PDB file of N, CA and C in Angstrom:
ATOM      1  N   UNK A   1       7.793  10.404  13.324  1.00  0.00           N
ATOM      2  CA  UNK A   1       7.666   9.009  13.645  1.00  0.00           C
ATOM      3  C   UNK A   1       7.920   8.201  12.387  1.00  0.00           C
ATOM      4  N   UNK A   2       8.430   7.025  12.581  1.00  0.00           N
ATOM      5  CA  UNK A   2       8.680   6.183  11.433  1.00  0.00           C
ATOM      6  C   UNK A   2       9.298   4.855  11.830  1.00  0.00           C
ATOM      7  N   UNK A   3       9.744   4.125  10.826  1.00  0.00           N
ATOM      8  CA  UNK A   3      10.380   2.846  11.049  1.00  0.00           C
ATOM      9  C   UNK A   3      11.814   3.079  11.537  1.00  0.00           C
ATOM     10  N   UNK A   4      12.392   2.084  12.229  1.00  0.00           N
ATOM     11  CA  UNK A   4      13.762   2.224  12.712  1.00  0.00           C
ATOM     12  C   UNK A   4      14.749   2.478  11.568  1.00  0.00           C
ATOM     13  N   UNK A   5      15.837   3.160  11.893  1.00  0.00           N
ATOM     14  CA  UNK A   5      16.833   3.539  10.886  1.00  0.00           C
ATOM     15  C   UNK A   5      17.429   2.323  10.180  1.00  0.00           C
ATOM     16  N   UNK A   6      17.534   1.192  10.883  1.00  0.00           N
ATOM     17  CA  UNK A   6      18.127   0.000  10.262  1.00  0.00           C
ATOM     18  C   UNK A   6      17.100  -0.824   9.491  1.00  0.00           C
ATOM     19  N   UNK A   7      15.836  -0.469   9.562  1.00  0.00           N
ATOM     20  CA  UNK A   7      14.767  -1.158   8.863  1.00  0.00           C
ATOM     21  C   UNK A   7      14.823  -0.821   7.377  1.00  0.00           C
ATOM     22  N   UNK A   8      14.551  -1.788   6.519  1.00  0.00           N
ATOM     23  CA  UNK A   8      14.636  -1.542   5.076  1.00  0.00           C
ATOM     24  C   UNK A   8      13.699  -0.421   4.635  1.00  0.00           C
ATOM     25  N   UNK A   9      12.477  -0.370   5.176  1.00  0.00           N
ATOM     26  CA  UNK A   9      11.555   0.721   4.829  1.00  0.00           C
ATOM     27  C   UNK A   9      12.102   2.058   5.301  1.00  0.00           C
ATOM     28  N   UNK A  10      12.605   2.080   6.540  1.00  0.00           N
ATOM     29  CA  UNK A  10      13.170   3.311   7.079  1.00  0.00           C
ATOM     30  C   UNK A  10      14.335   3.815   6.249  1.00  0.00           C
ATOM     31  N   UNK A  11      15.204   2.906   5.824  1.00  0.00           N
ATOM     32  CA  UNK A  11      16.351   3.286   4.987  1.00  0.00           C
ATOM     33  C   UNK A  11      15.906   3.869   3.648  1.00  0.00           C
ATOM     34  N   UNK A  12      14.959   3.210   3.012  1.00  0.00           N
ATOM     35  CA  UNK A  12      14.482   3.673   1.705  1.00  0.00           C
ATOM     36  C   UNK A  12      13.858   5.067   1.837  1.00  0.00           C
ATOM     37  N   UNK A  13      13.006   5.244   2.815  1.00  0.00           N
ATOM     38  CA  UNK A  13      12.329   6.534   3.002  1.00  0.00           C
ATOM     39  C   UNK A  13      13.343   7.622   3.328  1.00  0.00           C
ATOM     40  N   UNK A  14      14.246   7.349   4.263  1.00  0.00           N
ATOM     41  CA  UNK A  14      15.239   8.365   4.643  1.00  0.00           C
ATOM     42  C   UNK A  14      16.132   8.759   3.477  1.00  0.00           C
ATOM     43  N   UNK A  15      16.563   7.799   2.675  1.00  0.00           N
ATOM     44  CA  UNK A  15      17.419   8.109   1.517  1.00  0.00           C
ATOM     45  C   UNK A  15      16.680   8.966   0.494  1.00  0.00           C
ATOM     46  N   UNK A  16      15.413   8.645   0.259  1.00  0.00           N
ATOM     47  CA  UNK A  16      14.657   9.441  -0.705  1.00  0.00           C
ATOM     48  C   UNK A  16      14.424  10.854  -0.188  1.00  0.00           C
ATOM     49  N   UNK A  17      14.142  10.988   1.098  1.00  0.00           N
ATOM     50  CA  UNK A  17      13.961  12.319   1.670  1.00  0.00           C
ATOM     51  C   UNK A  17      15.260  13.123   1.586  1.00  0.00           C
ATOM     52  N   UNK A  18      16.386  12.484   1.877  1.00  0.00           N
ATOM     53  CA  UNK A  18      17.682  13.172   1.782  1.00  0.00           C
ATOM     54  C   UNK A  18      17.934  13.682   0.365  1.00  0.00           C
ATOM     55  N   UNK A  19      17.587  12.872  -0.641  1.00  0.00           N
ATOM     56  CA  UNK A  19      17.755  13.306  -2.038  1.00  0.00           C
ATOM     57  C   UNK A  19      16.911  14.534  -2.357  1.00  0.00           C
ATOM     58  N   UNK A  20      15.807  14.696  -1.638  1.00  0.00           N
ATOM     59  CA  UNK A  20      14.938  15.857  -1.836  1.00  0.00           C
ATOM     60  C   UNK A  20      15.343  17.030  -0.951  1.00  0.00           C
ATOM     61  N   UNK A  21      16.420  16.845  -0.167  1.00  0.00           N
ATOM     62  CA  UNK A  21      16.885  17.915   0.703  1.00  0.00           C
ATOM     63  C   UNK A  21      16.135  18.004   2.018  1.00  0.00           C
ATOM     64  N   UNK A  22      15.445  16.939   2.394  1.00  0.00           N
ATOM     65  CA  UNK A  22      14.670  16.915   3.636  1.00  0.00           C
ATOM     66  C   UNK A  22      15.403  16.054   4.657  1.00  0.00           C
ATOM     67  N   UNK A  23      15.623  16.618   5.829  1.00  0.00           N
ATOM     68  CA  UNK A  23      16.237  15.866   6.925  1.00  0.00           C
ATOM     69  C   UNK A  23      15.185  15.658   8.006  1.00  0.00           C
ATOM     70  N   UNK A  24      14.629  14.447   8.089  1.00  0.00           N
ATOM     71  CA  UNK A  24      13.595  14.213   9.104  1.00  0.00           C
ATOM     72  C   UNK A  24      14.208  14.143  10.505  1.00  0.00           C
ATOM     73  N   UNK A  25      13.435  14.555  11.481  1.00  0.00           N
ATOM     74  CA  UNK A  25      13.832  14.468  12.886  1.00  0.00           C
ATOM     75  C   UNK A  25      12.796  13.591  13.582  1.00  0.00           C
ATOM     76  N   UNK A  26      13.216  12.396  13.926  1.00  0.00           N
ATOM     77  CA  UNK A  26      12.294  11.418  14.500  1.00  0.00           C
ATOM     78  C   UNK A  26      12.247  11.534  16.016  1.00  0.00           C
ATOM     79  N   UNK A  27      11.054  11.584  16.556  1.00  0.00           N
ATOM     80  CA  UNK A  27      10.872  11.544  17.992  1.00  0.00           C
ATOM     81  C   UNK A  27      10.604  10.127  18.466  1.00  0.00           C
ATOM     82  N   UNK A  28      10.206   9.254  17.527  1.00  0.00           N
ATOM     83  CA  UNK A  28       9.858   7.883  17.871  1.00  0.00           C
ATOM     84  C   UNK A  28       9.977   7.019  16.628  1.00  0.00           C
ATOM     85  N   UNK A  29      10.537   5.834  16.782  1.00  0.00           N
ATOM     86  CA  UNK A  29      10.627   4.855  15.694  1.00  0.00           C
ATOM     87  C   UNK A  29      10.198   3.495  16.227  1.00  0.00           C
ATOM     88  N   UNK A  30       9.526   2.719  15.382  1.00  0.00           N
ATOM     89  CA  UNK A  30       9.090   1.387  15.797  1.00  0.00           C
ATOM     90  C   UNK A  30       8.935   0.481  14.585  1.00  0.00           C
ATOM     91  N   UNK A  31       9.203  -0.811  14.799  1.00  0.00           N
ATOM     92  CA  UNK A  31       8.929  -1.809  13.763  1.00  0.00           C
ATOM     93  C   UNK A  31       7.431  -2.086  13.665  1.00  0.00           C
ATOM     94  N   UNK A  32       6.675  -1.688  14.667  1.00  0.00           N
ATOM     95  CA  UNK A  32       5.238  -1.949  14.707  1.00  0.00           C
ATOM     96  C   UNK A  32       4.504  -0.788  14.041  1.00  0.00           C
ATOM     97  N   UNK A  33       4.083  -1.017  12.806  1.00  0.00           N
ATOM     98  CA  UNK A  33       3.411   0.041  12.046  1.00  0.00           C
ATOM     99  C   UNK A  33       2.127   0.515  12.714  1.00  0.00           C
ATOM    100  N   UNK A  34       1.416  -0.391  13.375  1.00  0.00           N
ATOM    101  CA  UNK A  34       0.195  -0.011  14.075  1.00  0.00           C
ATOM    102  C   UNK A  34       0.464   0.958  15.214  1.00  0.00           C
ATOM    103  N   UNK A  35       1.582   0.765  15.893  1.00  0.00           N
ATOM    104  CA  UNK A  35       1.950   1.679  16.972  1.00  0.00           C
ATOM    105  C   UNK A  35       2.266   3.059  16.401  1.00  0.00           C
ATOM    106  N   UNK A  36       3.023   3.104  15.309  1.00  0.00           N
ATOM    107  CA  UNK A  36       3.351   4.390  14.683  1.00  0.00           C
ATOM    108  C   UNK A  36       2.069   5.091  14.248  1.00  0.00           C
ATOM    109  N   UNK A  37       1.171   4.381  13.576  1.00  0.00           N
ATOM    110  CA  UNK A  37      -0.072   4.995  13.126  1.00  0.00           C
ATOM    111  C   UNK A  37      -0.938   5.406  14.308  1.00  0.00           C
ATOM    112  N   UNK A  38      -0.942   4.614  15.363  1.00  0.00           N
ATOM    113  CA  UNK A  38      -1.710   4.962  16.554  1.00  0.00           C
ATOM    114  C   UNK A  38      -1.220   6.251  17.196  1.00  0.00           C
ATOM    115  N   UNK A  39       0.090   6.436  17.225  1.00  0.00           N
ATOM    116  CA  UNK A  39       0.646   7.661  17.803  1.00  0.00           C
ATOM    117  C   UNK A  39       0.299   8.867  16.931  1.00  0.00           C
ATOM    118  N   UNK A  40       0.314   8.671  15.621  1.00  0.00           N
ATOM    119  CA  UNK A  40      -0.105   9.751  14.717  1.00  0.00           C
ATOM    120  C   UNK A  40      -1.577  10.070  14.972  1.00  0.00           C
ATOM    121  N   UNK A  41      -2.402   9.039  15.081  1.00  0.00           N
ATOM    122  CA  UNK A  41      -3.829   9.234  15.335  1.00  0.00           C
ATOM    123  C   UNK A  41      -4.107   9.917  16.664  1.00  0.00           C
ATOM    124  N   UNK A  42      -3.200   9.754  17.613  1.00  0.00           N
ATOM    125  CA  UNK A  42      -3.354  10.400  18.919  1.00  0.00           C
ATOM    126  C   UNK A  42      -2.830  11.837  18.912  1.00  0.00           C
ATOM    127  N   UNK A  43      -2.359  12.293  17.743  1.00  0.00           N
ATOM    128  CA  UNK A  43      -1.904  13.678  17.625  1.00  0.00           C
ATOM    129  C   UNK A  43      -0.467  13.916  18.060  1.00  0.00           C
ATOM    130  N   UNK A  44       0.320  12.854  18.118  1.00  0.00           N
ATOM    131  CA  UNK A  44       1.688  12.992  18.608  1.00  0.00           C
ATOM    132  C   UNK A  44       2.697  13.330  17.508  1.00  0.00           C
ATOM    133  N   UNK A  45       2.256  13.434  16.271  1.00  0.00           N
ATOM    134  CA  UNK A  45       3.169  13.761  15.183  1.00  0.00           C
ATOM    135  C   UNK A  45       2.662  13.229  13.863  1.00  0.00           C
ATOM    136  N   UNK A  46       3.555  13.199  12.897  1.00  0.00           N
ATOM    137  CA  UNK A  46       3.251  12.686  11.565  1.00  0.00           C
ATOM    138  C   UNK A  46       4.240  11.576  11.244  1.00  0.00           C
ATOM    139  N   UNK A  47       3.927  10.791  10.229  1.00  0.00           N
ATOM    140  CA  UNK A  47       4.818   9.714   9.813  1.00  0.00           C
ATOM    141  C   UNK A  47       4.738   9.552   8.304  1.00  0.00           C
ATOM    142  N   UNK A  48       5.848   9.183   7.714  1.00  0.00           N
ATOM    143  CA  UNK A  48       5.862   8.758   6.318  1.00  0.00           C
ATOM    144  C   UNK A  48       6.032   7.256   6.356  1.00  0.00           C
ATOM    145  N   UNK A  49       5.032   6.556   5.811  1.00  0.00           N
ATOM    146  CA  UNK A  49       5.009   5.102   5.877  1.00  0.00           C
ATOM    147  C   UNK A  49       4.619   4.536   4.518  1.00  0.00           C
ATOM    148  N   UNK A  50       5.086   3.331   4.207  1.00  0.00           N
ATOM    149  CA  UNK A  50       4.621   2.670   2.981  1.00  0.00           C
ATOM    150  C   UNK A  50       3.117   2.436   3.067  1.00  0.00           C
ATOM    151  N   UNK A  51       2.413   2.666   1.981  1.00  0.00           N
ATOM    152  CA  UNK A  51       0.960   2.544   1.995  1.00  0.00           C
ATOM    153  C   UNK A  51       0.492   1.170   2.445  1.00  0.00           C
ATOM    154  N   UNK A  52       1.197   0.118   2.040  1.00  0.00           N
ATOM    155  CA  UNK A  52       0.739  -1.220   2.408  1.00  0.00           C
ATOM    156  C   UNK A  52       0.838  -1.481   3.907  1.00  0.00           C
ATOM    157  N   UNK A  53       1.523  -0.606   4.656  1.00  0.00           N
ATOM    158  CA  UNK A  53       1.652  -0.801   6.101  1.00  0.00           C
ATOM    159  C   UNK A  53       0.674   0.065   6.895  1.00  0.00           C
ATOM    160  N   UNK A  54      -0.186   0.795   6.194  1.00  0.00           N
ATOM    161  CA  UNK A  54      -1.118   1.724   6.833  1.00  0.00           C
ATOM    162  C   UNK A  54      -2.522   1.129   6.846  1.00  0.00           C
ATOM    163  N   UNK A  55      -3.215   1.295   7.967  1.00  0.00           N
ATOM    164  CA  UNK A  55      -4.630   0.913   8.031  1.00  0.00           C
ATOM    165  C   UNK A  55      -5.428   2.067   7.435  1.00  0.00           C
ATOM    166  N   UNK A  56      -5.825   1.901   6.172  1.00  0.00           N
ATOM    167  CA  UNK A  56      -6.503   2.992   5.462  1.00  0.00           C
ATOM    168  C   UNK A  56      -7.904   3.267   6.007  1.00  0.00           C
ATOM    169  N   UNK A  57      -8.415   2.386   6.850  1.00  0.00           N
ATOM    170  CA  UNK A  57      -9.753   2.562   7.425  1.00  0.00           C
ATOM    171  C   UNK A  57      -9.714   3.220   8.800  1.00  0.00           C
ATOM    172  N   UNK A  58      -8.532   3.548   9.283  1.00  0.00           N
ATOM    173  CA  UNK A  58      -8.377   4.197  10.584  1.00  0.00           C
ATOM    174  C   UNK A  58      -8.850   5.639  10.467  1.00  0.00           C
ATOM    175  N   UNK A  59      -9.958   5.955  11.109  1.00  0.00           N
ATOM    176  CA  UNK A  59     -10.537   7.299  11.008  1.00  0.00           C
ATOM    177  C   UNK A  59      -9.774   8.353  11.810  1.00  0.00           C
ATOM    178  N   UNK A  60      -8.831   7.912  12.639  1.00  0.00           N
ATOM    179  CA  UNK A  60      -8.049   8.860  13.437  1.00  0.00           C
ATOM    180  C   UNK A  60      -6.890   9.449  12.643  1.00  0.00           C
ATOM    181  N   UNK A  61      -6.628   8.880  11.459  1.00  0.00           N
ATOM    182  CA  UNK A  61      -5.520   9.377  10.634  1.00  0.00           C
ATOM    183  C   UNK A  61      -6.003   9.687   9.229  1.00  0.00           C
ATOM    184  N   UNK A  62      -5.245  10.532   8.549  1.00  0.00           N
ATOM    185  CA  UNK A  62      -5.515  10.871   7.154  1.00  0.00           C
ATOM    186  C   UNK A  62      -4.317  10.454   6.315  1.00  0.00           C
ATOM    187  N   UNK A  63      -4.580   9.977   5.126  1.00  0.00           N
ATOM    188  CA  UNK A  63      -3.515   9.581   4.218  1.00  0.00           C
ATOM    189  C   UNK A  63      -3.295  10.710   3.225  1.00  0.00           C
ATOM    190  N   UNK A  64      -2.048  11.083   3.073  1.00  0.00           N
ATOM    191  CA  UNK A  64      -1.659  12.108   2.102  1.00  0.00           C
ATOM    192  C   UNK A  64      -0.526  11.552   1.270  1.00  0.00           C
ATOM    193  N   UNK A  65      -0.467  11.900   0.017  1.00  0.00           N
ATOM    194  CA  UNK A  65       0.681  11.544  -0.805  1.00  0.00           C
ATOM    195  C   UNK A  65       1.693  12.674  -0.718  1.00  0.00           C
ATOM    196  N   UNK A  66       2.934  12.355  -0.951  1.00  0.00           N
ATOM    197  CA  UNK A  66       3.969  13.398  -0.923  1.00  0.00           C
ATOM    198  C   UNK A  66       4.106  14.024  -2.298  1.00  0.00           C
ATOM    199  N   UNK A  67       4.522  15.254  -2.317  1.00  0.00           N
ATOM    200  CA  UNK A  67       4.740  15.970  -3.577  1.00  0.00           C
ATOM    201  C   UNK A  67       6.104  16.628  -3.482  1.00  0.00           C
ATOM    202  N   UNK A  68       7.105  16.198  -4.218  1.00  0.00           N
ATOM    203  CA  UNK A  68       7.015  15.156  -5.241  1.00  0.00           C
ATOM    204  C   UNK A  68       6.851  13.780  -4.609  1.00  0.00           C
ATOM    205  N   UNK A  69       6.304  12.880  -5.388  1.00  0.00           N
ATOM    206  CA  UNK A  69       6.067  11.525  -4.895  1.00  0.00           C
ATOM    207  C   UNK A  69       7.394  10.821  -4.643  1.00  0.00           C
ATOM    208  N   UNK A  70       7.437  10.045  -3.583  1.00  0.00           N
ATOM    209  CA  UNK A  70       8.598   9.194  -3.351  1.00  0.00           C
ATOM    210  C   UNK A  70       8.504   8.007  -4.294  1.00  0.00           C
ATOM    211  N   UNK A  71       9.639   7.448  -4.644  1.00  0.00           N
ATOM    212  CA  UNK A  71       9.651   6.311  -5.571  1.00  0.00           C
ATOM    213  C   UNK A  71       8.864   5.146  -4.968  1.00  0.00           C
ATOM    214  N   UNK A  72       8.110   4.446  -5.801  1.00  0.00           N
ATOM    215  CA  UNK A  72       7.343   3.305  -5.272  1.00  0.00           C
ATOM    216  C   UNK A  72       8.281   2.196  -4.820  1.00  0.00           C
ATOM    217  N   UNK A  73       7.794   1.416  -3.892  1.00  0.00           N
ATOM    218  CA  UNK A  73       8.567   0.271  -3.401  1.00  0.00           C
ATOM    219  C   UNK A  73       7.996  -0.981  -4.028  1.00  0.00           C
ATOM    220  N   UNK A  74       8.858  -1.800  -4.562  1.00  0.00           N
ATOM    221  CA  UNK A  74       8.425  -3.055  -5.162  1.00  0.00           C
ATOM    222  C   UNK A  74       8.297  -4.127  -4.095  1.00  0.00           C
ATOM    223  N   UNK A  75       7.236  -4.895  -4.177  1.00  0.00           N
ATOM    224  CA  UNK A  75       7.050  -6.057  -3.320  1.00  0.00           C
ATOM    225  C   UNK A  75       7.161  -7.289  -4.201  1.00  0.00           C
ATOM    226  N   UNK A  76       7.845  -8.286  -3.717  1.00  0.00           N
ATOM    227  CA  UNK A  76       8.020  -9.509  -4.490  1.00  0.00           C
ATOM    228  C   UNK A  76       7.743 -10.721  -3.624  1.00  0.00           C
ATOM    229  N   UNK A  77       7.255 -11.738  -4.258  1.00  0.00           N
ATOM    230  CA  UNK A  77       7.094 -13.033  -3.606  1.00  0.00           C
ATOM    231  C   UNK A  77       7.998 -13.987  -4.376  1.00  0.00           C
ATOM    232  N   UNK A  78       8.859 -14.681  -3.672  1.00  0.00           N
ATOM    233  CA  UNK A  78       9.811 -15.570  -4.340  1.00  0.00           C
ATOM    234  C   UNK A  78       9.684 -16.987  -3.804  1.00  0.00           C
ATOM    235  N   UNK A  79      10.044 -17.941  -4.640  1.00  0.00           N
ATOM    236  CA  UNK A  79      10.087 -19.330  -4.226  1.00  0.00           C
ATOM    237  C   UNK A  79      11.169 -20.023  -5.032  1.00  0.00           C
ATOM    238  N   UNK A  80      11.550 -21.189  -4.579  1.00  0.00           N
ATOM    239  CA  UNK A  80      12.650 -21.928  -5.201  1.00  0.00           C
ATOM    240  C   UNK A  80      12.378 -22.265  -6.654  1.00  0.00           C
ATOM    241  N   UNK A  81      13.428 -22.100  -7.468  1.00  0.00           N
ATOM    242  CA  UNK A  81      13.323 -22.405  -8.897  1.00  0.00           C
ATOM    243  C   UNK A  81      12.943 -23.874  -9.084  1.00  0.00           C
ATOM    244  N   UNK A  82      11.999 -24.114  -9.974  1.00  0.00           N
ATOM    245  CA  UNK A  82      11.575 -25.470 -10.261  1.00  0.00           C
ATOM    246  C   UNK A  82      10.605 -26.055  -9.245  1.00  0.00           C
ATOM    247  N   UNK A  83      10.253 -25.295  -8.229  1.00  0.00           N
ATOM    248  CA  UNK A  83       9.323 -25.793  -7.214  1.00  0.00           C
ATOM    249  C   UNK A  83       7.899 -25.398  -7.588  1.00  0.00           C
ATOM    250  N   UNK A  84       6.989 -26.228  -7.297  1.00  0.00           N
ATOM    251  CA  UNK A  84       5.581 -25.960  -7.539  1.00  0.00           C
ATOM    252  C   UNK A  84       4.990 -25.359  -6.267  1.00  0.00           C
ATOM    253  N   UNK A  85       4.221 -24.302  -6.447  1.00  0.00           N
ATOM    254  CA  UNK A  85       3.572 -23.691  -5.295  1.00  0.00           C
ATOM    255  C   UNK A  85       2.379 -24.521  -4.857  1.00  0.00           C
ATOM    256  N   UNK A  86       2.182 -24.597  -3.565  1.00  0.00           N
ATOM    257  CA  UNK A  86       0.994 -25.271  -3.034  1.00  0.00           C
ATOM    258  C   UNK A  86      -0.224 -24.407  -3.349  1.00  0.00           C
ATOM    259  N   UNK A  87      -1.404 -24.976  -3.330  1.00  0.00           N
ATOM    260  CA  UNK A  87      -2.608 -24.164  -3.547  1.00  0.00           C
ATOM    261  C   UNK A  87      -2.708 -22.999  -2.567  1.00  0.00           C
ATOM    262  N   UNK A  88      -2.298 -23.210  -1.319  1.00  0.00           N
ATOM    263  CA  UNK A  88      -2.332 -22.139  -0.323  1.00  0.00           C
ATOM    264  C   UNK A  88      -1.367 -21.016  -0.693  1.00  0.00           C
ATOM    265  N   UNK A  89      -0.159 -21.355  -1.131  1.00  0.00           N
ATOM    266  CA  UNK A  89       0.819 -20.334  -1.533  1.00  0.00           C
ATOM    267  C   UNK A  89       0.328 -19.568  -2.760  1.00  0.00           C
ATOM    268  N   UNK A  90      -0.292 -20.246  -3.717  1.00  0.00           N
ATOM    269  CA  UNK A  90      -0.862 -19.568  -4.891  1.00  0.00           C
ATOM    270  C   UNK A  90      -1.958 -18.601  -4.461  1.00  0.00           C
ATOM    271  N   UNK A  91      -2.809 -19.042  -3.541  1.00  0.00           N
ATOM    272  CA  UNK A  91      -3.891 -18.186  -3.034  1.00  0.00           C
ATOM    273  C   UNK A  91      -3.299 -16.956  -2.353  1.00  0.00           C
ATOM    274  N   UNK A  92      -2.261 -17.146  -1.539  1.00  0.00           N
ATOM    275  CA  UNK A  92      -1.597 -16.035  -0.864  1.00  0.00           C
ATOM    276  C   UNK A  92      -1.053 -15.034  -1.886  1.00  0.00           C
ATOM    277  N   UNK A  93      -0.363 -15.499  -2.912  1.00  0.00           N
ATOM    278  CA  UNK A  93       0.194 -14.613  -3.933  1.00  0.00           C
ATOM    279  C   UNK A  93      -0.910 -13.827  -4.631  1.00  0.00           C
ATOM    280  N   UNK A  94      -2.023 -14.471  -4.919  1.00  0.00           N
ATOM    281  CA  UNK A  94      -3.145 -13.783  -5.561  1.00  0.00           C
ATOM    282  C   UNK A  94      -3.762 -12.732  -4.645  1.00  0.00           C
ATOM    283  N   UNK A  95      -3.892 -13.056  -3.361  1.00  0.00           N
ATOM    284  CA  UNK A  95      -4.451 -12.092  -2.408  1.00  0.00           C
ATOM    285  C   UNK A  95      -3.545 -10.878  -2.288  1.00  0.00           C
ATOM    286  N   UNK A  96      -2.223 -11.101  -2.203  1.00  0.00           N
ATOM    287  CA  UNK A  96      -1.281  -9.980  -2.123  1.00  0.00           C
ATOM    288  C   UNK A  96      -1.434  -9.066  -3.339  1.00  0.00           C
ATOM    289  N   UNK A  97      -1.517  -9.639  -4.531  1.00  0.00           N
ATOM    290  CA  UNK A  97      -1.675  -8.837  -5.743  1.00  0.00           C
ATOM    291  C   UNK A  97      -2.984  -8.042  -5.712  1.00  0.00           C
ATOM    292  N   UNK A  98      -4.071  -8.666  -5.264  1.00  0.00           N
ATOM    293  CA  UNK A  98      -5.362  -7.982  -5.190  1.00  0.00           C
ATOM    294  C   UNK A  98      -5.346  -6.845  -4.167  1.00  0.00           C
ATOM    295  N   UNK A  99      -4.784  -7.101  -3.004  1.00  0.00           N
ATOM    296  CA  UNK A  99      -4.747  -6.085  -1.957  1.00  0.00           C
ATOM    297  C   UNK A  99      -3.921  -4.885  -2.409  1.00  0.00           C
ATOM    298  N   UNK A 100      -2.765  -5.142  -3.010  1.00  0.00           N
ATOM    299  CA  UNK A 100      -1.927  -4.036  -3.483  1.00  0.00           C
ATOM    300  C   UNK A 100      -2.626  -3.232  -4.577  1.00  0.00           C
ATOM    301  N   UNK A 101      -3.321  -3.913  -5.482  1.00  0.00           N
ATOM    302  CA  UNK A 101      -4.067  -3.203  -6.531  1.00  0.00           C
ATOM    303  C   UNK A 101      -5.175  -2.351  -5.914  1.00  0.00           C
ATOM    304  N   UNK A 102      -5.872  -2.885  -4.908  1.00  0.00           N
ATOM    305  CA  UNK A 102      -6.925  -2.114  -4.231  1.00  0.00           C
ATOM    306  C   UNK A 102      -6.348  -0.895  -3.519  1.00  0.00           C
ATOM    307  N   UNK A 103      -5.197  -1.056  -2.858  1.00  0.00           N
ATOM    308  CA  UNK A 103      -4.566   0.075  -2.171  1.00  0.00           C
ATOM    309  C   UNK A 103      -4.192   1.176  -3.155  1.00  0.00           C
ATOM    310  N   UNK A 104      -3.637   0.790  -4.292  1.00  0.00           N
ATOM    311  CA  UNK A 104      -3.278   1.794  -5.301  1.00  0.00           C
ATOM    312  C   UNK A 104      -4.511   2.523  -5.811  1.00  0.00           C
ATOM    313  N   UNK A 105      -5.592   1.795  -6.031  1.00  0.00           N
ATOM    314  CA  UNK A 105      -6.831   2.418  -6.504  1.00  0.00           C
ATOM    315  C   UNK A 105      -7.368   3.393  -5.460  1.00  0.00           C
ATOM    316  N   UNK A 106      -7.300   3.026  -4.192  1.00  0.00           N
ATOM    317  CA  UNK A 106      -7.788   3.907  -3.135  1.00  0.00           C
ATOM    318  C   UNK A 106      -6.898   5.134  -2.981  1.00  0.00           C
ATOM    319  N   UNK A 107      -5.610   4.967  -3.202  1.00  0.00           N
ATOM    320  CA  UNK A 107      -4.690   6.095  -3.122  1.00  0.00           C
ATOM    321  C   UNK A 107      -5.014   7.126  -4.196  1.00  0.00           C
ATOM    322  N   UNK A 108      -5.481   6.671  -5.326  1.00  0.00           N
ATOM    323  CA  UNK A 108      -5.822   7.561  -6.431  1.00  0.00           C
ATOM    324  C   UNK A 108      -7.230   8.107  -6.319  1.00  0.00           C
ATOM    325  N   UNK A 109      -7.940   7.759  -5.247  1.00  0.00           N
ATOM    326  CA  UNK A 109      -9.311   8.214  -5.062  1.00  0.00           C
ATOM    327  C   UNK A 109      -9.345   9.678  -4.623  1.00  0.00           C
ATOM    328  N   UNK A 110     -10.492  10.341  -4.770  1.00  0.00           N
ATOM    329  CA  UNK A 110     -10.606  11.767  -4.427  1.00  0.00           C
ATOM    330  C   UNK A 110     -10.345  12.104  -2.968  1.00  0.00           C
ATOM    331  N   UNK A 111     -10.444  11.129  -2.042  1.00  0.00           N
ATOM    332  CA  UNK A 111     -10.252  11.412  -0.631  1.00  0.00           C
ATOM    333  C   UNK A 111      -8.805  11.557  -0.198  1.00  0.00           C
ATOM    334  N   UNK A 112      -7.853  11.297  -1.083  1.00  0.00           N
ATOM    335  CA  UNK A 112      -6.444  11.361  -0.740  1.00  0.00           C
ATOM    336  C   UNK A 112      -5.843  12.626  -1.328  1.00  0.00           C
ATOM    337  N   UNK A 113      -5.201  13.407  -0.474  1.00  0.00           N
ATOM    338  CA  UNK A 113      -4.629  14.679  -0.903  1.00  0.00           C
ATOM    339  C   UNK A 113      -3.111  14.591  -0.987  1.00  0.00           C
ATOM    340  N   UNK A 114      -2.525  15.417  -1.856  1.00  0.00           N
ATOM    341  CA  UNK A 114      -1.075  15.532  -1.929  1.00  0.00           C
ATOM    342  C   UNK A 114      -0.634  16.657  -0.992  1.00  0.00           C
ATOM    343  N   UNK A 115       0.506  16.450  -0.326  1.00  0.00           N
ATOM    344  CA  UNK A 115       1.065  17.480   0.543  1.00  0.00           C
ATOM    345  C   UNK A 115       2.475  17.790   0.123  1.00  0.00           C
TER     346      UNK A 115
END
């Protein structure tokens, strides 16, 4: 299971797997990450997904890192040159940075195994 082949996440993951000599065989693809994780939680298969798209509190699924690790994906927030961000946009950018830092810290926690 995974993201659609034309999806940017799906393309990145598939290309990295191909470089490692792995050819995934998808039984199901969806743009809805919750649906993919739900199907994994129901025992219908496994998925390789970007960490920021996974509900790490879902007790029906387990998070594993790949070995070797796939290259990290950069997330960026952009706005027009010379434009001032509104207080709401600044708050959003700060929340994104905090959430991503928390996800990385949790990934490095003892409860996450490499496969």
